[in-house]
């Protein structure tokens, strides 16, 4: 059995009594493994898979920001890891502590940095070479700029970081950026 983890991009919708859920599957070699299950309400049944994923990401972002009080880079890294059933080591999580715009300096956006960290891990696990991963990251950065206008926290969060800020001012941007990153990773496969 290969040690490479592959997500099948299969989202199966199930009904079990009153409980409905979407289940994401991945495999390790040829053995299927259930990765995660997301509950949803009756109103979700009419939504497309991407809308269900956006709702899931929004719930996870809110939890990580408000309950866990972690920054945007670690939120992006861990949300993507959850979506693709990849384990992130504590040391890797620690390396992202100061990556919210370079510790608040408003340099490269932590949402970009967290996503790029995840892509390095994920695509390495899926057998991509260093050169291929660098090309993927370049393509991602280019598409991120086209979608959001910049890679810099300075541009994406124009009011900067101050004591007067509402907590987690980038929550909506975070959800949209993580969904964008999720779709990008899925498109590469």
Protein backbone atom coordinates (compact mmCIF):
# COMPACT_ATOMS: atom_id res chain seq x y z
CA UNK A 1 0.00 0.00 0.00
CA UNK A 2 1.26 3.45 -0.89
CA UNK A 3 1.74 5.96 1.92
CA UNK A 4 0.33 8.77 -0.21
CA UNK A 5 -3.01 10.18 0.82
CA UNK A 6 -5.43 11.11 -1.92
CA UNK A 7 -8.80 12.74 -1.58
CA UNK A 8 -11.40 11.51 -3.98
CA UNK A 9 -13.28 14.80 -4.14
CA UNK A 10 -16.42 12.77 -3.56
CA UNK A 11 -19.08 14.40 -1.50
CA UNK A 12 -21.80 11.88 -0.70
CA UNK A 13 -25.03 13.10 0.83
CA UNK A 14 -26.75 10.74 3.24
CA UNK A 15 -29.97 10.76 5.22
CA UNK A 16 -30.23 8.92 8.48
CA UNK A 17 -33.56 9.57 10.19
CA UNK A 18 -33.63 13.30 10.78
CA UNK A 19 -29.87 13.59 10.50
CA UNK A 20 -28.41 14.55 7.15
CA UNK A 21 -24.74 14.86 6.50
CA UNK A 22 -22.18 15.23 3.79
CA UNK A 23 -19.27 12.86 3.93
CA UNK A 24 -15.89 13.50 2.37
CA UNK A 25 -13.87 10.44 1.47
CA UNK A 26 -10.20 9.94 0.95
CA UNK A 27 -8.07 6.91 0.47
CA UNK A 28 -4.69 5.74 1.59
CA UNK A 29 -3.48 3.52 -1.19
CA UNK A 30 -6.42 1.35 -2.23
CA UNK A 31 -8.15 1.32 1.15
CA UNK A 32 -10.99 3.85 1.48
CA UNK A 33 -11.10 5.85 4.68
CA UNK A 34 -13.94 8.12 5.83
CA UNK A 35 -12.31 11.46 6.50
CA UNK A 36 -14.96 13.71 7.89
CA UNK A 37 -18.70 14.08 8.13
CA UNK A 38 -20.48 17.41 8.17
CA UNK A 39 -24.05 17.69 9.45
CA UNK A 40 -26.41 19.97 7.63
CA UNK A 41 -30.01 21.02 7.79
CA UNK A 42 -32.91 20.45 5.41
CA UNK A 43 -32.27 23.86 3.86
CA UNK A 44 -28.86 22.64 2.71
CA UNK A 45 -30.39 19.97 0.49
CA UNK A 46 -30.99 22.52 -2.26
CA UNK A 47 -27.49 23.96 -2.07
CA UNK A 48 -24.65 22.99 -4.32
CA UNK A 49 -21.64 21.20 -2.85
CA UNK A 50 -19.55 24.38 -2.92
CA UNK A 51 -22.17 26.21 -0.87
CA UNK A 52 -22.21 23.39 1.67
CA UNK A 53 -18.41 23.54 1.83
CA UNK A 54 -18.53 27.32 2.29
CA UNK A 55 -20.93 26.86 5.22
CA UNK A 56 -18.61 24.25 6.74
CA UNK A 57 -15.57 26.50 6.28
CA UNK A 58 -17.46 29.45 7.80
CA UNK A 59 -18.29 27.36 10.89
CA UNK A 60 -14.67 26.23 11.23
CA UNK A 61 -13.27 29.74 10.74
CA UNK A 62 -15.63 31.15 13.35
CA UNK A 63 -14.63 28.43 15.82
CA UNK A 64 -10.92 28.92 15.24
CA UNK A 65 -11.13 32.70 15.51
CA UNK A 66 -13.57 33.08 18.40
CA UNK A 67 -13.10 29.88 20.44
CA UNK A 68 -9.47 28.99 19.72
CA UNK A 69 -8.27 32.59 19.08
CA UNK A 70 -5.75 31.58 16.41
CA UNK A 71 -4.54 33.76 13.57
CA UNK A 72 -5.51 33.70 9.90
CA UNK A 73 -2.48 31.67 8.75
CA UNK A 74 -3.08 28.86 11.24
CA UNK A 75 -6.80 29.02 10.51
CA UNK A 76 -6.22 28.62 6.76
CA UNK A 77 -3.68 25.83 7.34
CA UNK A 78 -5.89 23.85 9.73
CA UNK A 79 -9.15 24.35 7.82
CA UNK A 80 -7.57 23.12 4.60
CA UNK A 81 -5.99 20.22 6.48
CA UNK A 82 -9.42 19.26 7.83
CA UNK A 83 -11.03 19.52 4.39
CA UNK A 84 -8.43 17.19 2.89
CA UNK A 85 -7.92 14.95 5.95
CA UNK A 86 -4.24 15.81 6.35
CA UNK A 87 -2.61 15.76 9.77
CA UNK A 88 -0.59 18.87 10.63
CA UNK A 89 2.18 18.45 13.18
CA UNK A 90 2.34 20.77 16.22
CA UNK A 91 5.74 22.10 15.14
CA UNK A 92 4.24 23.16 11.80
CA UNK A 93 1.35 24.89 13.56
CA UNK A 94 3.84 26.71 15.78
CA UNK A 95 5.74 27.93 12.72
CA UNK A 96 2.61 29.81 11.59
CA UNK A 97 2.09 31.76 14.84
CA UNK A 98 3.56 35.00 13.49
CA UNK A 99 2.28 34.71 9.94
CA UNK A 100 -0.70 37.07 10.19
CA UNK A 101 0.78 39.70 7.92
CA UNK A 102 4.26 39.07 9.41
CA UNK A 103 3.10 39.43 12.99
CA UNK A 104 0.79 42.35 12.22
CA UNK A 105 3.34 44.22 10.10
CA UNK A 106 0.80 43.92 7.25
CA UNK A 107 3.18 42.19 4.83
CA UNK A 108 2.08 39.02 2.98
CA UNK A 109 -1.41 37.97 4.07
CA UNK A 110 -1.54 35.04 6.49
CA UNK A 111 -4.39 33.53 4.49
CA UNK A 112 -1.98 33.17 1.58
CA UNK A 113 0.85 31.94 3.78
CA UNK A 114 -1.29 29.32 5.53
CA UNK A 115 -2.66 28.07 2.20
CA UNK A 116 0.85 27.89 0.70
CA UNK A 117 2.10 25.95 3.72
CA UNK A 118 -0.77 23.52 3.31
CA UNK A 119 -0.11 23.11 -0.41
CA UNK A 120 3.52 22.26 0.24
CA UNK A 121 2.49 19.55 2.69
CA UNK A 122 -0.45 18.23 0.66
CA UNK A 123 1.23 18.06 -2.72
CA UNK A 124 4.37 16.55 -1.22
CA UNK A 125 2.19 13.80 0.30
CA UNK A 126 0.69 13.30 -3.15
CA UNK A 127 4.06 12.77 -4.83
CA UNK A 128 4.65 16.15 -6.47
CA UNK A 129 8.27 17.27 -6.88
CA UNK A 130 9.62 20.42 -5.24
CA UNK A 131 9.61 22.11 -8.64
CA UNK A 132 6.01 21.11 -9.32
CA UNK A 133 4.94 22.38 -5.89
CA UNK A 134 6.70 25.71 -6.46
CA UNK A 135 4.91 26.06 -9.82
CA UNK A 136 1.57 25.27 -8.16
CA UNK A 137 2.23 27.89 -5.48
CA UNK A 138 3.14 30.46 -8.13
CA UNK A 139 -0.09 29.74 -10.02
CA UNK A 140 -2.06 30.00 -6.77
CA UNK A 141 -0.50 33.39 -5.92
CA UNK A 142 -1.29 34.70 -9.39
CA UNK A 143 -4.91 33.54 -9.17
CA UNK A 144 -5.24 34.89 -5.61
CA UNK A 145 -4.18 38.34 -6.82
CA UNK A 146 -6.69 38.17 -9.66
CA UNK A 147 -9.48 37.17 -7.25
CA UNK A 148 -8.70 39.35 -4.22
CA UNK A 149 -6.53 42.13 -5.66
CA UNK A 150 -3.35 41.57 -3.65
CA UNK A 151 -1.25 39.17 -1.59
CA UNK A 152 -0.52 41.83 1.01
CA UNK A 153 -2.34 42.20 4.28
CA UNK A 154 -1.76 45.96 3.88
CA UNK A 155 -4.10 45.97 0.87
CA UNK A 156 -6.54 43.29 2.01
CA UNK A 157 -6.93 44.78 5.50
CA UNK A 158 -6.62 48.52 4.84
CA UNK A 159 -7.32 49.60 8.41
CA UNK A 160 -4.38 47.59 9.70
CA UNK A 161 -4.22 46.21 13.21
CA UNK A 162 -5.08 48.46 16.12
CA UNK A 163 -6.61 48.18 19.57
CA UNK A 164 -9.78 49.78 18.17
CA UNK A 165 -10.35 46.98 15.63
CA UNK A 166 -13.29 44.71 15.97
CA UNK A 167 -12.01 41.23 16.79
CA UNK A 168 -11.30 39.05 13.77
CA UNK A 169 -12.07 41.76 11.22
CA UNK A 170 -11.04 39.45 8.36
CA UNK A 171 -13.53 36.66 9.12
CA UNK A 172 -15.54 37.02 5.89
CA UNK A 173 -12.37 37.39 3.80
CA UNK A 174 -10.97 34.33 5.56
CA UNK A 175 -13.96 32.19 4.60
CA UNK A 176 -13.78 33.32 0.98
CA UNK A 177 -10.01 32.87 0.76
CA UNK A 178 -10.10 29.37 2.29
CA UNK A 179 -12.92 28.34 -0.05
CA UNK A 180 -10.90 29.72 -2.97
CA UNK A 181 -7.85 27.75 -1.76
CA UNK A 182 -9.91 24.58 -1.29
CA UNK A 183 -11.27 24.83 -4.83
CA UNK A 184 -7.79 25.54 -6.19
CA UNK A 185 -6.28 22.48 -4.49
CA UNK A 186 -9.16 20.31 -5.72
CA UNK A 187 -8.64 21.56 -9.26
CA UNK A 188 -4.99 20.45 -9.19
CA UNK A 189 -5.85 17.06 -7.70
